[in-house]
Amino acid sequence: MSGTMNTSIGDPAVTRRSYAIVSPAFMSRRYAVQLSICRMTVSVTAVSMRWTVPWNPAAGTARAVTARRVTATRTDHELVERPRGMETSLQCGRAFLNVHRAAGPRTLIPSRDIARRGAMSGRLSGHRALVTGGAGGIGRAIARTLASEGAHIGISYLTSAGPARTVVAEVRAAGVRGSAIRADVTREADVKRLVAGTAKALGGLDILVNNVGNFLVKDVEHLTLAEWRDLLDSNVTAAFLCSKHALPHLRRAGWGRIVSLGAAGAYRAHGSKGMAGFYAGKAGIVALSKALAREVGRAGITVNVVSPGIVKDYDLTIPQARRRRDPETAIGRPGTTQDVANAVAFLCSDDAEFVTGDVLNVTGGWLL
């Protein structure tokens, strides 16, 4: 089945537990200022890791967001449910709470970019973006961030109609147009319909974010041919098809941005095992993007890749997470979907007009 709807979030329809651990030393005066700026209302229970943040400050309502473990592998690296309507408190930062170590009292602080970013710059005002797999996880964060910068947003989804409706509602609340179209981006007919429908809904198209990409951990000797093909198709073939059919619209606009999601381990299997199929697909995206950048650069179109590293570690307890991930990144925490979305927004903007054919690693120093 296929269809178009003008509603909100992404693929897959599952949510993983998300937290970032910080030491008490981080609770400096800077965070005290952030707390007063953000006016954040937070409650946490030690067992369920459930928190409450303002949902609609004007209405005085709140929404409880409970972490759920991810079981699907479709489209995104991770899925995190995050409420909207927090232009002051969470609008410009990652809507994640950093949790004090488990041994002591749990102190919650806002993500450090809340105070830094302030009001959105509007640097994408009037632009029209298609984000594949935009109903959840990284895709949702990208859609919301581009919308907050002024871009009209179209997303694709495969199975998550409800979350897709939510994302469209969220981007529309930012004052921009939004649409969601169901499409299997490994099928050319679906991609043609997706691109044409999005361009019609938004009044054109000049930004493409290739976010879809299946993920599977399995050693080569146990990987079936069907699984191998799915990993390649959902990653590099999907990026090829979407880029091919979006390019005529970008050329007509006389300006364009194509940003595809890679993976930091695609060119350096950093402690990874069972990732050959996934990394092959992501390495293909890098090669495709570099070659395409050469083809379309003089048409005012840039083509780049954002390669995330560690993006949350949802299956670990807090002490385990500290022991495992703190030494793995120079910054001492895993990345978030907002970290990735910020990088994508930069590459979509005029600030990055002289950047093309490149890979921007968003790893927190994971590969140093």
Protein backbone atom coordinates (compact mmCIF):
# COMPACT_ATOMS: atom_id res chain seq x y z
CA MET A 1 0.00 0.00 0.00
CA SER A 2 1.06 3.56 -0.52
CA GLY A 3 -0.33 6.87 0.49
CA THR A 4 0.37 10.42 1.47
CA MET A 5 -0.51 12.07 4.70
CA ASN A 6 0.13 15.47 6.15
CA THR A 7 0.99 14.44 9.70
CA SER A 8 4.15 13.30 12.00
CA ILE A 9 7.35 10.69 13.27
CA GLY A 10 9.52 7.80 11.77
CA ASP A 11 10.83 4.37 11.10
CA PRO A 12 11.13 2.11 13.09
CA ALA A 13 8.34 2.51 15.61
CA VAL A 14 10.29 1.69 18.70
CA THR A 15 12.16 3.64 21.36
CA ARG A 16 15.28 2.84 23.32
CA ARG A 17 16.33 3.88 26.77
CA SER A 18 18.50 6.95 26.61
CA TYR A 19 20.73 8.58 29.15
CA ALA A 20 24.13 10.22 29.39
CA ILE A 21 26.15 10.00 32.55
CA VAL A 22 28.09 12.93 33.91
CA SER A 23 30.21 13.43 37.00
CA PRO A 24 29.28 15.91 39.74
CA ALA A 25 32.09 18.16 38.50
CA PHE A 26 29.94 19.11 35.54
CA MET A 27 27.38 20.73 37.81
CA SER A 28 29.09 24.11 37.56
CA ARG A 29 27.67 27.61 37.57
CA ARG A 30 27.14 27.27 33.82
CA TYR A 31 24.59 24.53 34.35
CA ALA A 32 22.93 26.44 37.14
CA VAL A 33 22.38 29.22 34.60
CA GLN A 34 21.09 26.71 32.07
CA LEU A 35 18.65 25.33 34.58
CA SER A 36 17.23 28.77 35.22
CA ILE A 37 17.03 29.50 31.50
CA CYS A 38 15.41 26.25 30.60
CA ARG A 39 12.91 26.20 33.47
CA MET A 40 12.91 22.47 33.26
CA THR A 41 10.57 20.36 35.36
CA VAL A 42 12.07 16.95 35.83
CA SER A 43 11.25 13.89 37.88
CA VAL A 44 13.08 10.62 37.69
CA THR A 45 12.47 7.26 39.31
CA ALA A 46 15.50 5.11 39.86
CA VAL A 47 13.87 1.95 38.59
CA SER A 48 11.93 2.87 35.49
CA MET A 49 14.09 5.74 34.23
CA ARG A 50 10.92 7.70 33.54
CA TRP A 51 11.03 11.44 33.24
CA THR A 52 8.53 14.24 32.78
CA VAL A 53 9.21 17.44 30.86
CA PRO A 54 6.92 20.31 29.90
CA TRP A 55 4.84 19.42 26.86
CA ASN A 56 2.81 22.60 26.43
CA PRO A 57 3.91 25.32 28.85
CA ALA A 58 1.04 27.58 27.82
CA ALA A 59 -1.52 24.92 28.68
CA GLY A 60 0.37 23.82 31.77
CA THR A 61 0.29 20.23 30.61
CA ALA A 62 3.09 17.72 30.76
CA ARG A 63 3.90 14.51 29.05
CA ALA A 64 5.64 11.53 30.56
CA VAL A 65 8.21 9.96 28.31
CA THR A 66 9.13 6.42 29.21
CA ALA A 67 12.05 4.74 27.53
CA ARG A 68 11.32 1.58 25.59
CA ARG A 69 13.83 -0.87 24.22
CA VAL A 70 14.34 -1.02 20.46
CA THR A 71 13.62 -4.27 18.68
CA ALA A 72 13.49 -3.17 15.04
CA THR A 73 16.38 -2.48 12.70
CA ARG A 74 14.67 -0.49 9.96
CA THR A 75 15.83 2.95 8.82
CA ASP A 76 17.61 4.54 11.75
CA HIS A 77 20.51 4.00 14.14
CA GLU A 78 18.36 4.74 17.14
CA LEU A 79 14.95 5.97 18.16
CA VAL A 80 14.30 8.36 20.99
CA GLU A 81 10.90 9.83 21.76
CA ARG A 82 11.17 13.49 22.57
CA PRO A 83 8.33 15.91 23.24
CA ARG A 84 7.89 19.19 21.40
CA GLY A 85 6.66 22.60 22.47
CA MET A 86 9.67 23.65 24.51
CA GLU A 87 10.99 26.64 22.56
CA THR A 88 12.61 27.99 25.71
CA SER A 89 13.57 24.87 27.58
CA LEU A 90 14.43 22.23 24.99
CA GLN A 91 13.87 23.86 21.62
CA CYS A 92 17.48 24.20 20.58
CA GLY A 93 19.15 21.45 22.53
CA ARG A 94 19.03 17.74 22.69
CA ALA A 95 15.94 16.81 24.69
CA PHE A 96 17.91 14.38 26.71
CA LEU A 97 18.72 14.51 30.39
CA ASN A 98 22.21 13.81 31.71
CA VAL A 99 22.03 11.58 34.72
CA HIS A 100 24.39 11.63 37.70
CA ARG A 101 26.22 8.41 38.48
CA ALA A 102 24.01 5.67 39.93
CA ALA A 103 25.90 5.47 43.21
CA GLY A 104 24.88 8.92 44.36
CA PRO A 105 21.81 11.14 44.13
CA ARG A 106 20.57 11.42 40.57
CA THR A 107 21.04 15.00 39.46
CA LEU A 108 19.46 15.91 36.14
CA ILE A 109 20.92 18.70 34.03
CA PRO A 110 19.93 19.96 30.61
CA SER A 111 22.06 19.11 27.62
CA ARG A 112 24.87 21.63 27.34
CA ASP A 113 23.78 23.05 23.98
CA ILE A 114 20.47 24.37 25.34
CA ALA A 115 21.95 27.65 26.53
CA ARG A 116 24.40 27.85 23.65
CA ARG A 117 22.02 27.71 20.71
CA GLY A 118 19.22 30.01 21.87
CA ALA A 119 16.76 31.03 19.21
CA MET A 120 17.13 29.30 15.86
CA SER A 121 18.98 31.23 13.19
CA GLY A 122 16.52 30.64 10.36
CA ARG A 123 19.45 29.91 8.06
CA LEU A 124 17.32 27.47 6.03
CA SER A 125 14.27 29.70 5.69
CA GLY A 126 12.36 28.98 2.49
CA HIS A 127 14.27 25.82 1.65
CA ARG A 128 12.44 22.52 1.11
CA ALA A 129 13.88 19.30 2.49
CA LEU A 130 13.09 15.61 2.11
CA VAL A 131 14.30 13.41 4.97
CA THR A 132 13.97 9.69 4.30
CA GLY A 133 13.11 7.58 7.33
CA GLY A 134 12.17 10.78 9.12
CA ALA A 135 9.61 9.35 11.49
CA GLY A 136 11.96 8.45 14.33
CA GLY A 137 15.44 8.46 15.79
CA ILE A 138 18.08 10.36 13.86
CA GLY A 139 15.64 11.07 11.03
CA ARG A 140 13.15 12.68 13.37
CA ALA A 141 15.85 14.80 14.99
CA ILE A 142 17.00 15.95 11.56
CA ALA A 143 13.47 16.82 10.43
CA ARG A 144 12.80 18.81 13.60
CA THR A 145 16.14 20.61 13.46
CA LEU A 146 15.83 21.61 9.80
CA ALA A 147 12.29 22.81 10.49
CA SER A 148 13.51 24.88 13.42
CA GLU A 149 15.96 26.50 10.98
CA GLY A 150 13.07 27.48 8.71
CA ALA A 151 13.00 24.66 6.14
CA HIS A 152 9.75 23.09 4.95
CA ILE A 153 9.93 19.36 5.65
CA GLY A 154 8.78 16.22 3.90
CA ILE A 155 9.56 12.81 5.35
CA SER A 156 9.23 9.25 4.18
CA TYR A 157 8.22 6.35 6.36
CA LEU A 158 7.59 2.67 5.75
CA THR A 159 5.64 1.24 8.69
CA SER A 160 5.39 4.01 11.29
CA ALA A 161 2.33 5.96 10.19
CA GLY A 162 1.51 7.20 13.69
CA PRO A 163 4.99 8.51 14.45
CA ALA A 164 5.08 10.09 10.98
CA ARG A 165 1.93 12.04 11.80
CA THR A 166 3.58 13.26 14.97
CA VAL A 167 6.66 14.53 13.15
CA VAL A 168 4.57 16.43 10.62
CA ALA A 169 2.62 18.03 13.46
CA GLU A 170 5.89 18.96 15.14
CA VAL A 171 7.42 20.61 12.09
CA ARG A 172 4.19 22.46 11.32
CA ALA A 173 4.23 23.80 14.85
CA ALA A 174 7.56 25.41 13.94
CA GLY A 175 5.69 27.45 11.32
CA VAL A 176 6.72 25.51 8.21
CA ARG A 177 4.97 23.15 5.83
CA GLY A 178 5.19 19.42 6.50
CA SER A 179 4.23 16.21 4.74
CA ALA A 180 4.78 12.48 5.13
CA ILE A 181 4.62 9.89 2.37
CA ARG A 182 4.79 6.14 2.78
CA ALA A 183 7.49 4.74 0.52
CA ASP A 184 9.95 1.87 0.26
CA VAL A 185 13.01 3.77 -0.89
CA THR A 186 14.63 0.62 -2.25
CA ARG A 187 11.94 0.58 -4.98
CA GLU A 188 12.33 3.07 -7.81
CA ALA A 189 8.60 3.50 -8.39
CA ASP A 190 8.11 4.40 -4.73
CA VAL A 191 11.01 6.85 -4.85
CA LYS A 192 9.61 8.61 -7.92
CA ARG A 193 6.27 9.01 -6.19
CA LEU A 194 7.92 10.13 -2.95
CA VAL A 195 10.05 12.82 -4.57
CA ALA A 196 7.25 14.11 -6.79
CA GLY A 197 4.74 14.13 -3.93
CA THR A 198 7.12 15.89 -1.57
CA ALA A 199 8.02 18.54 -4.15
CA LYS A 200 4.33 19.17 -4.79
CA ALA A 201 3.50 19.44 -1.09
CA LEU A 202 6.41 21.76 -0.31
CA GLY A 203 6.42 23.82 -3.49
CA GLY A 204 9.72 22.40 -4.68
CA LEU A 205 12.73 20.55 -3.34
CA ASP A 206 16.32 21.63 -2.79
CA ILE A 207 17.55 19.53 0.16
CA LEU A 208 17.73 15.73 0.34
CA VAL A 209 18.78 13.84 3.46
CA ASN A 210 19.33 10.13 2.84
CA ASN A 211 18.77 8.77 6.32
CA VAL A 212 17.28 5.32 5.64
CA GLY A 213 19.54 2.31 6.12
CA ASN A 214 18.92 -1.10 7.62
CA PHE A 215 21.26 -2.44 10.28
CA LEU A 216 22.18 -6.04 11.03
CA VAL A 217 24.95 -7.62 13.10
CA LYS A 218 25.92 -11.00 11.68
CA ASP A 219 29.23 -12.58 10.68
CA VAL A 220 29.82 -13.00 6.96
CA GLU A 221 29.80 -16.79 7.12
CA HIS A 222 26.28 -16.69 8.58
CA LEU A 223 24.95 -13.79 6.50
CA THR A 224 22.47 -14.88 3.84
CA LEU A 225 22.47 -13.44 0.35
CA ALA A 226 19.04 -11.93 0.97
CA GLU A 227 20.31 -10.19 4.11
CA TRP A 228 23.39 -8.94 2.27
CA ARG A 229 21.28 -7.51 -0.53
CA ASP A 230 18.91 -5.88 1.93
CA LEU A 231 21.79 -4.12 3.69
CA LEU A 232 23.17 -2.82 0.40
CA ASP A 233 19.76 -1.90 -1.03
CA SER A 234 18.53 -0.05 2.05
CA ASN A 235 21.75 1.91 2.34
CA VAL A 236 23.57 2.66 -0.92
CA THR A 237 20.83 1.75 -3.42
CA ALA A 238 18.27 3.85 -1.56
CA ALA A 239 20.69 6.80 -1.51
CA PHE A 240 21.32 6.36 -5.24
CA LEU A 241 17.63 6.24 -6.15
CA CYS A 242 16.64 9.20 -3.99
CA SER A 243 19.56 11.29 -5.23
CA LYS A 244 18.85 10.42 -8.86
CA HIS A 245 15.22 11.49 -8.71
CA ALA A 246 15.79 14.51 -6.46
CA LEU A 247 18.55 15.99 -8.63
CA PRO A 248 16.26 17.44 -11.34
CA HIS A 249 14.46 19.42 -8.64
CA LEU A 250 17.73 20.62 -7.12
CA ARG A 251 19.03 21.67 -10.53
CA ARG A 252 15.86 23.65 -11.22
CA ALA A 253 16.29 25.41 -7.90
CA GLY A 254 19.85 26.36 -8.87
CA TRP A 255 20.97 25.38 -5.37
CA GLY A 256 20.97 22.06 -3.60
CA ARG A 257 22.20 19.97 -0.73
CA ILE A 258 22.42 16.20 -0.51
CA VAL A 259 23.49 14.79 2.84
CA SER A 260 23.62 11.04 3.41
CA LEU A 261 24.07 9.17 6.68
CA GLY A 262 27.15 6.99 6.81
CA ALA A 263 28.82 5.23 9.73
CA ALA A 264 32.16 6.00 11.33
CA GLY A 265 33.12 2.33 11.33
CA ALA A 266 32.60 1.97 7.58
CA TYR A 267 36.24 2.75 6.85
CA ARG A 268 37.71 1.66 10.16
CA ALA A 269 36.01 -1.33 11.78
CA HIS A 270 36.72 0.00 15.25
CA GLY A 271 36.32 -3.00 17.52
CA SER A 272 33.37 -4.16 15.45
CA LYS A 273 32.40 -7.71 14.59
CA GLY A 274 29.55 -8.91 12.43
CA MET A 275 29.22 -5.55 10.69
CA ALA A 276 30.52 -6.40 7.20
CA GLY A 277 27.19 -6.04 5.42
CA PHE A 278 26.23 -2.81 7.16
CA TYR A 279 29.65 -1.25 6.71
CA ALA A 280 29.77 -2.27 3.06
CA GLY A 281 26.52 -0.39 2.48
CA LYS A 282 27.77 2.69 4.33
CA ALA A 283 31.12 2.64 2.53
CA GLY A 284 29.15 2.57 -0.71
CA ILE A 285 27.34 5.72 0.38
CA VAL A 286 30.68 7.48 0.88
CA ALA A 287 31.94 6.43 -2.57
CA LEU A 288 28.65 7.42 -4.21
CA SER A 289 28.66 10.82 -2.50
CA LYS A 290 32.22 11.66 -3.47
CA ALA A 291 31.63 10.76 -7.12
CA LEU A 292 28.30 12.59 -7.22
CA ALA A 293 29.84 15.71 -5.68
CA ARG A 294 32.17 15.93 -8.68
CA GLU A 295 29.25 15.57 -11.10
CA VAL A 296 26.96 18.25 -9.69
CA GLY A 297 29.24 20.77 -7.97
CA ARG A 298 29.04 23.38 -10.73
CA ALA A 299 25.26 23.32 -10.56
CA GLY A 300 25.43 24.78 -7.06
CA ILE A 301 24.77 21.41 -5.43
CA THR A 302 26.93 19.98 -2.65
CA VAL A 303 26.99 16.33 -1.62
CA ASN A 304 28.33 15.21 1.74
CA VAL A 305 28.15 12.43 4.32
CA VAL A 306 27.60 12.62 8.06
CA SER A 307 29.02 9.56 9.81
CA PRO A 308 27.86 9.04 13.41
CA GLY A 309 29.90 7.02 15.85
CA ILE A 310 28.46 5.76 19.13
CA VAL A 311 24.90 7.05 19.47
CA LYS A 312 23.64 6.11 22.94
CA ASP A 313 24.06 2.69 24.47
CA TYR A 314 20.59 1.75 25.53
CA ASP A 315 21.05 -1.81 26.65
CA LEU A 316 23.58 -1.07 29.38
CA THR A 317 22.97 -0.11 32.97
CA ILE A 318 24.35 3.22 34.16
CA PRO A 319 27.54 1.80 35.79
CA GLN A 320 28.17 -0.44 32.78
CA ALA A 321 27.66 2.47 30.43
CA ARG A 322 30.22 4.59 32.28
CA ARG A 323 32.84 1.85 32.30
CA ARG A 324 32.35 1.00 28.65
CA ARG A 325 31.75 4.24 26.82
CA ASP A 326 33.65 6.89 28.78
CA PRO A 327 37.05 5.62 27.56
CA GLU A 328 35.76 5.20 23.98
CA THR A 329 35.18 8.86 23.15
CA ALA A 330 37.46 11.79 23.78
CA ILE A 331 34.50 13.80 25.07
CA GLY A 332 33.50 11.04 27.50
CA ARG A 333 29.91 10.47 26.44
CA PRO A 334 28.11 8.86 23.51
CA GLY A 335 26.54 10.95 20.80
CA THR A 336 22.87 11.82 20.57
CA THR A 337 20.51 12.14 17.66
CA GLN A 338 20.68 15.91 18.12
CA ASP A 339 24.46 15.87 17.69
CA VAL A 340 23.96 14.20 14.32
CA ALA A 341 21.10 16.53 13.34
CA ASN A 342 23.22 19.59 14.10
CA ALA A 343 25.92 18.36 11.72
CA VAL A 344 23.35 17.72 8.99
CA ALA A 345 21.86 21.19 9.44
CA PHE A 346 25.31 22.74 9.06
CA LEU A 347 25.98 20.90 5.80
CA CYS A 348 22.56 21.93 4.49
CA SER A 349 23.23 25.60 5.15
CA ASP A 350 25.13 28.27 3.24
CA ASP A 351 27.73 28.08 6.00
CA ALA A 352 28.95 24.90 4.28
CA GLU A 353 28.76 26.10 0.67
CA PHE A 354 32.46 25.29 0.09
CA VAL A 355 32.22 21.82 1.62
CA THR A 356 31.44 18.99 -0.79
CA GLY A 357 32.49 15.39 -1.32
CA ASP A 358 33.47 15.20 2.33
CA VAL A 359 32.66 13.04 5.33
CA LEU A 360 31.88 14.75 8.62
CA ASN A 361 32.49 12.37 11.51
CA VAL A 362 30.24 12.97 14.50
CA THR A 363 31.97 10.66 16.95
CA GLY A 364 33.09 12.68 19.96
CA GLY A 365 36.63 11.58 19.16
CA TRP A 366 35.71 7.88 19.10
CA LEU A 367 38.18 7.07 16.30
CA LEU A 368 41.16 9.05 17.62
